[in-house]
Amino acid sequence: QVQLVESGGGLVQPGGSLRLSCAASGSIFSIKTMGWYRQAPGTEREIVATIRWNGAYTYYADSVKGRFTISRDNAKNTVFLQMNSLKPEDTAVYYCKLVEYGVHDYWGQGTQVTVSS
């Protein structure tokens, strides 16, 4: 009933920037947090950044602190990830996650980010 659609991925050179967007739609009850996770081939999915829907709390993985910024537009049920100073090790499929109050979590389909010369 809830759909998450990511966009903004692509191919970028090291040191470049990308801005990811994730728009939630459908029967959303109450959002607790939204966030971004990533998974490279042969690895487990890992957290990148999360943000509380109400309030200012954010979390960043150590590997992206100072380079990535998560933000939100509550009225549009949309979360963003501004990625600067990208490194080849940032290459992964990036997934959006929505956590509702209660038992339901939702995942987007993922968007590929490739950082390469």
N, C-alpha and C. Protein backbone atom coordinates (compact mmCIF):
# COMPACT_ATOMS: atom_id res chain seq x y z
N GLN A 1 0.81 -1.21 0.00
CA GLN A 1 0.00 0.00 0.00
C GLN A 1 0.84 1.25 0.00
N VAL A 2 2.09 1.15 0.44
CA VAL A 2 3.02 2.27 0.41
C VAL A 2 4.09 1.97 -0.62
N GLN A 3 4.33 2.93 -1.48
CA GLN A 3 5.34 2.80 -2.51
C GLN A 3 6.41 3.86 -2.33
N LEU A 4 7.65 3.46 -2.51
CA LEU A 4 8.78 4.37 -2.44
C LEU A 4 9.48 4.35 -3.79
N VAL A 5 9.70 5.51 -4.37
CA VAL A 5 10.33 5.61 -5.67
C VAL A 5 11.56 6.48 -5.55
N GLU A 6 12.73 5.87 -5.77
CA GLU A 6 13.99 6.60 -5.73
C GLU A 6 14.32 7.12 -7.12
N SER A 7 15.05 8.22 -7.15
CA SER A 7 15.54 8.76 -8.40
C SER A 7 16.81 9.55 -8.13
N GLY A 8 17.56 9.82 -9.18
CA GLY A 8 18.73 10.66 -9.07
C GLY A 8 20.06 9.94 -9.17
N GLY A 9 20.04 8.62 -9.23
CA GLY A 9 21.27 7.88 -9.37
C GLY A 9 21.87 8.04 -10.76
N GLY A 10 23.09 7.57 -10.90
CA GLY A 10 23.75 7.65 -12.18
C GLY A 10 25.24 7.44 -12.05
N LEU A 11 25.94 7.77 -13.12
CA LEU A 11 27.39 7.66 -13.19
C LEU A 11 28.01 9.03 -12.97
N VAL A 12 28.96 9.09 -12.06
CA VAL A 12 29.63 10.35 -11.74
C VAL A 12 31.11 10.08 -11.50
N GLN A 13 31.93 11.07 -11.80
CA GLN A 13 33.36 10.94 -11.57
C GLN A 13 33.70 11.15 -10.10
N PRO A 14 34.81 10.58 -9.64
CA PRO A 14 35.24 10.84 -8.27
C PRO A 14 35.33 12.33 -7.99
N GLY A 15 34.84 12.73 -6.82
CA GLY A 15 34.79 14.13 -6.46
C GLY A 15 33.52 14.83 -6.87
N GLY A 16 32.70 14.18 -7.66
CA GLY A 16 31.46 14.76 -8.11
C GLY A 16 30.35 14.64 -7.10
N SER A 17 29.16 15.07 -7.51
CA SER A 17 28.01 15.11 -6.63
C SER A 17 26.78 14.52 -7.30
N LEU A 18 25.91 13.96 -6.49
CA LEU A 18 24.60 13.51 -6.92
C LEU A 18 23.60 13.83 -5.83
N ARG A 19 22.35 14.00 -6.22
CA ARG A 19 21.27 14.23 -5.28
C ARG A 19 20.20 13.18 -5.52
N LEU A 20 19.98 12.34 -4.54
CA LEU A 20 18.96 11.31 -4.61
C LEU A 20 17.67 11.80 -3.98
N SER A 21 16.56 11.37 -4.55
CA SER A 21 15.25 11.68 -4.02
C SER A 21 14.47 10.40 -3.82
N CYS A 22 13.62 10.38 -2.82
CA CYS A 22 12.73 9.26 -2.57
C CYS A 22 11.37 9.81 -2.19
N ALA A 23 10.39 9.54 -3.01
CA ALA A 23 9.04 10.00 -2.78
C ALA A 23 8.15 8.85 -2.35
N ALA A 24 7.47 9.01 -1.24
CA ALA A 24 6.56 8.00 -0.72
C ALA A 24 5.13 8.35 -1.10
N SER A 25 4.38 7.33 -1.46
CA SER A 25 2.98 7.52 -1.80
C SER A 25 2.18 6.32 -1.31
N GLY A 26 0.87 6.47 -1.32
CA GLY A 26 -0.01 5.40 -0.88
C GLY A 26 -0.59 5.68 0.48
N SER A 27 -1.00 4.61 1.14
CA SER A 27 -1.68 4.72 2.43
C SER A 27 -0.67 4.76 3.56
N ILE A 28 -0.13 5.94 3.80
CA ILE A 28 0.86 6.14 4.84
C ILE A 28 0.16 6.55 6.13
N PHE A 29 0.41 5.80 7.18
CA PHE A 29 -0.23 6.08 8.46
C PHE A 29 0.52 7.19 9.21
N SER A 30 1.73 6.89 9.62
CA SER A 30 2.52 7.86 10.37
C SER A 30 3.99 7.48 10.25
N ILE A 31 4.78 8.39 9.70
CA ILE A 31 6.18 8.13 9.46
C ILE A 31 6.99 8.41 10.73
N LYS A 32 7.83 7.44 11.10
CA LYS A 32 8.75 7.62 12.20
C LYS A 32 10.09 8.15 11.70
N THR A 33 10.66 7.46 10.74
CA THR A 33 11.90 7.88 10.12
C THR A 33 11.89 7.51 8.65
N MET A 34 12.73 8.19 7.89
CA MET A 34 13.08 7.74 6.55
C MET A 34 14.59 7.75 6.46
N GLY A 35 15.11 6.94 5.57
CA GLY A 35 16.55 6.86 5.47
C GLY A 35 17.02 6.25 4.18
N TRP A 36 18.33 6.23 4.07
CA TRP A 36 19.00 5.68 2.90
C TRP A 36 19.96 4.57 3.33
N TYR A 37 19.95 3.49 2.59
CA TYR A 37 20.84 2.36 2.77
C TYR A 37 21.48 2.05 1.43
N ARG A 38 22.59 1.34 1.46
CA ARG A 38 23.23 0.99 0.21
C ARG A 38 23.79 -0.42 0.28
N GLN A 39 23.93 -1.03 -0.89
CA GLN A 39 24.45 -2.38 -0.98
C GLN A 39 25.30 -2.51 -2.23
N ALA A 40 26.56 -2.85 -2.03
CA ALA A 40 27.46 -3.12 -3.12
C ALA A 40 27.47 -4.62 -3.40
N PRO A 41 27.87 -5.03 -4.60
CA PRO A 41 27.88 -6.46 -4.91
C PRO A 41 28.71 -7.26 -3.92
N GLY A 42 28.15 -8.36 -3.44
CA GLY A 42 28.84 -9.23 -2.52
C GLY A 42 28.89 -8.76 -1.09
N THR A 43 28.18 -7.68 -0.77
CA THR A 43 28.18 -7.14 0.59
C THR A 43 26.77 -7.10 1.15
N GLU A 44 26.69 -6.94 2.46
CA GLU A 44 25.40 -6.76 3.10
C GLU A 44 24.94 -5.31 2.95
N ARG A 45 23.64 -5.13 2.98
CA ARG A 45 23.10 -3.79 2.93
C ARG A 45 23.49 -3.05 4.21
N GLU A 46 23.92 -1.80 4.06
CA GLU A 46 24.37 -1.02 5.19
C GLU A 46 23.66 0.32 5.24
N ILE A 47 23.53 0.84 6.45
CA ILE A 47 22.91 2.13 6.63
C ILE A 47 23.82 3.23 6.13
N VAL A 48 23.23 4.24 5.52
CA VAL A 48 23.95 5.42 5.08
C VAL A 48 23.57 6.62 5.93
N ALA A 49 22.28 6.91 5.99
CA ALA A 49 21.79 8.05 6.75
C ALA A 49 20.31 7.88 7.03
N THR A 50 19.87 8.39 8.16
CA THR A 50 18.45 8.39 8.50
C THR A 50 18.08 9.74 9.09
N ILE A 51 16.79 10.04 9.05
CA ILE A 51 16.30 11.29 9.60
C ILE A 51 14.93 11.05 10.23
N ARG A 52 14.73 11.61 11.40
CA ARG A 52 13.41 11.55 12.03
C ARG A 52 12.45 12.44 11.27
N TRP A 53 11.19 11.99 11.17
CA TRP A 53 10.22 12.74 10.41
C TRP A 53 9.77 14.00 11.13
N ASN A 54 9.74 13.93 12.42
CA ASN A 54 9.44 15.09 13.26
C ASN A 54 10.63 15.32 14.18
N GLY A 55 11.21 16.48 14.07
CA GLY A 55 12.42 16.77 14.82
C GLY A 55 13.62 16.82 13.90
N ALA A 56 14.77 17.10 14.47
CA ALA A 56 15.96 17.38 13.69
C ALA A 56 17.01 16.28 13.75
N TYR A 57 16.74 15.19 14.42
CA TYR A 57 17.76 14.16 14.60
C TYR A 57 18.11 13.50 13.28
N THR A 58 19.40 13.38 13.03
CA THR A 58 19.91 12.66 11.87
C THR A 58 21.02 11.73 12.30
N TYR A 59 21.21 10.69 11.52
CA TYR A 59 22.30 9.75 11.73
C TYR A 59 23.03 9.55 10.42
N TYR A 60 24.36 9.50 10.50
CA TYR A 60 25.18 9.24 9.33
C TYR A 60 26.19 8.15 9.63
N ALA A 61 26.38 7.28 8.68
CA ALA A 61 27.48 6.33 8.79
C ALA A 61 28.80 7.09 8.79
N ASP A 62 29.78 6.56 9.52
CA ASP A 62 31.07 7.24 9.60
C ASP A 62 31.68 7.47 8.22
N SER A 63 31.45 6.56 7.30
CA SER A 63 32.07 6.65 5.99
C SER A 63 31.55 7.81 5.15
N VAL A 64 30.40 8.38 5.51
CA VAL A 64 29.82 9.45 4.70
C VAL A 64 29.71 10.77 5.45
N LYS A 65 30.07 10.79 6.72
CA LYS A 65 29.97 12.03 7.50
C LYS A 65 30.80 13.14 6.86
N GLY A 66 30.19 14.31 6.77
CA GLY A 66 30.86 15.45 6.17
C GLY A 66 30.73 15.52 4.67
N ARG A 67 30.25 14.46 4.03
CA ARG A 67 30.11 14.44 2.59
C ARG A 67 28.66 14.34 2.14
N PHE A 68 27.85 13.60 2.89
CA PHE A 68 26.45 13.39 2.55
C PHE A 68 25.56 14.17 3.50
N THR A 69 24.43 14.64 3.00
CA THR A 69 23.45 15.33 3.82
C THR A 69 22.06 14.79 3.52
N ILE A 70 21.36 14.36 4.55
CA ILE A 70 20.00 13.89 4.38
C ILE A 70 19.04 15.01 4.77
N SER A 71 17.97 15.14 4.04
CA SER A 71 16.97 16.16 4.33
C SER A 71 15.60 15.62 3.94
N ARG A 72 14.56 16.35 4.29
CA ARG A 72 13.21 15.87 4.04
C ARG A 72 12.28 17.01 3.71
N ASP A 73 11.19 16.66 3.05
CA ASP A 73 10.08 17.56 2.80
C ASP A 73 8.85 16.83 3.31
N ASN A 74 8.44 17.16 4.53
CA ASN A 74 7.35 16.43 5.17
C ASN A 74 6.05 16.53 4.39
N ALA A 75 5.78 17.71 3.83
CA ALA A 75 4.53 17.91 3.11
C ALA A 75 4.43 17.02 1.89
N LYS A 76 5.56 16.68 1.30
CA LYS A 76 5.58 15.86 0.09
C LYS A 76 6.00 14.42 0.36
N ASN A 77 6.19 14.07 1.63
CA ASN A 77 6.63 12.72 1.99
C ASN A 77 7.85 12.29 1.17
N THR A 78 8.82 13.18 1.14
CA THR A 78 10.00 12.97 0.31
C THR A 78 11.26 13.17 1.14
N VAL A 79 12.23 12.29 0.93
CA VAL A 79 13.53 12.41 1.57
C VAL A 79 14.58 12.52 0.49
N PHE A 80 15.64 13.28 0.79
CA PHE A 80 16.70 13.52 -0.16
C PHE A 80 18.04 13.09 0.44
N LEU A 81 18.97 12.80 -0.43
CA LEU A 81 20.34 12.55 -0.01
C LEU A 81 21.26 13.30 -0.96
N GLN A 82 21.86 14.36 -0.45
CA GLN A 82 22.85 15.11 -1.22
C GLN A 82 24.20 14.47 -0.97
N MET A 83 24.83 13.99 -2.03
CA MET A 83 26.09 13.29 -1.94
C MET A 83 27.16 14.11 -2.64
N ASN A 84 28.13 14.58 -1.88
CA ASN A 84 29.23 15.36 -2.40
C ASN A 84 30.55 14.62 -2.21
N SER A 85 31.56 15.05 -2.93
CA SER A 85 32.89 14.46 -2.82
C SER A 85 32.84 12.94 -2.93
N LEU A 86 32.13 12.47 -3.93
CA LEU A 86 31.91 11.04 -4.07
C LEU A 86 33.20 10.30 -4.36
N LYS A 87 33.29 9.10 -3.80
CA LYS A 87 34.44 8.23 -3.94
C LYS A 87 34.03 6.94 -4.63
N PRO A 88 34.97 6.25 -5.26
CA PRO A 88 34.62 4.97 -5.88
C PRO A 88 33.98 3.99 -4.90
N GLU A 89 34.38 4.02 -3.64
CA GLU A 89 33.80 3.12 -2.66
C GLU A 89 32.35 3.45 -2.31
N ASP A 90 31.84 4.57 -2.79
CA ASP A 90 30.43 4.89 -2.63
C ASP A 90 29.56 4.17 -3.66
N THR A 91 30.17 3.51 -4.61
CA THR A 91 29.42 2.80 -5.64
C THR A 91 28.58 1.71 -5.02
N ALA A 92 27.28 1.75 -5.29
CA ALA A 92 26.35 0.79 -4.71
C ALA A 92 24.96 1.08 -5.25
N VAL A 93 24.05 0.17 -4.96
CA VAL A 93 22.64 0.46 -5.14
C VAL A 93 22.14 1.10 -3.86
N TYR A 94 21.53 2.25 -3.99
CA TYR A 94 21.03 2.99 -2.84
C TYR A 94 19.53 2.78 -2.72
N TYR A 95 19.10 2.39 -1.52
CA TYR A 95 17.71 2.08 -1.25
C TYR A 95 17.13 3.05 -0.23
N CYS A 96 15.92 3.47 -0.48
CA CYS A 96 15.18 4.30 0.45
C CYS A 96 14.36 3.42 1.38
N LYS A 97 14.30 3.79 2.65
CA LYS A 97 13.52 3.05 3.64
C LYS A 97 12.61 4.00 4.40
N LEU A 98 11.39 3.58 4.58
CA LEU A 98 10.42 4.31 5.39
C LEU A 98 10.02 3.43 6.56
N VAL A 99 10.11 3.97 7.76
CA VAL A 99 9.71 3.26 8.98
C VAL A 99 8.47 3.92 9.52
N GLU A 100 7.39 3.15 9.56
CA GLU A 100 6.15 3.62 10.17
C GLU A 100 6.13 3.27 11.64
N TYR A 101 5.40 4.05 12.40
CA TYR A 101 5.09 3.63 13.76
C TYR A 101 4.27 2.35 13.69
N GLY A 102 4.73 1.35 14.39
CA GLY A 102 4.11 0.04 14.29
C GLY A 102 5.08 -0.95 13.68
N VAL A 103 4.55 -1.93 12.96
CA VAL A 103 5.36 -3.06 12.50
C VAL A 103 5.84 -2.95 11.07
N HIS A 104 5.37 -1.97 10.33
CA HIS A 104 5.63 -1.95 8.90
C HIS A 104 6.80 -1.06 8.52
N ASP A 105 7.73 -1.64 7.78
CA ASP A 105 8.81 -0.92 7.12
C ASP A 105 8.65 -1.11 5.62
N TYR A 106 9.06 -0.12 4.86
CA TYR A 106 8.93 -0.17 3.41
C TYR A 106 10.24 0.19 2.76
N TRP A 107 10.52 -0.47 1.64
CA TRP A 107 11.75 -0.26 0.89
C TRP A 107 11.43 0.15 -0.54
N GLY A 108 12.26 1.01 -1.08
CA GLY A 108 12.18 1.35 -2.48
C GLY A 108 12.88 0.31 -3.34
N GLN A 109 12.84 0.53 -4.64
CA GLN A 109 13.41 -0.43 -5.58
C GLN A 109 14.92 -0.29 -5.74
N GLY A 110 15.47 0.81 -5.30
CA GLY A 110 16.89 1.06 -5.40
C GLY A 110 17.25 1.86 -6.63
N THR A 111 18.31 2.64 -6.50
CA THR A 111 18.85 3.39 -7.62
C THR A 111 20.37 3.23 -7.62
N GLN A 112 20.92 2.96 -8.79
CA GLN A 112 22.35 2.69 -8.91
C GLN A 112 23.15 3.98 -8.89
N VAL A 113 24.17 4.00 -8.05
CA VAL A 113 25.15 5.07 -8.03
C VAL A 113 26.51 4.47 -8.35
N THR A 114 27.13 4.95 -9.40
CA THR A 114 28.43 4.47 -9.81
C THR A 114 29.40 5.64 -9.85
N VAL A 115 30.49 5.52 -9.11
CA VAL A 115 31.51 6.55 -9.05
C VAL A 115 32.76 5.99 -9.71
N SER A 116 33.10 6.52 -10.86
CA SER A 116 34.21 5.97 -11.64
C SER A 116 34.74 7.02 -12.60
N SER A 117 36.03 6.91 -12.90
CA SER A 117 36.64 7.78 -13.89
C SER A 117 36.33 7.32 -15.31
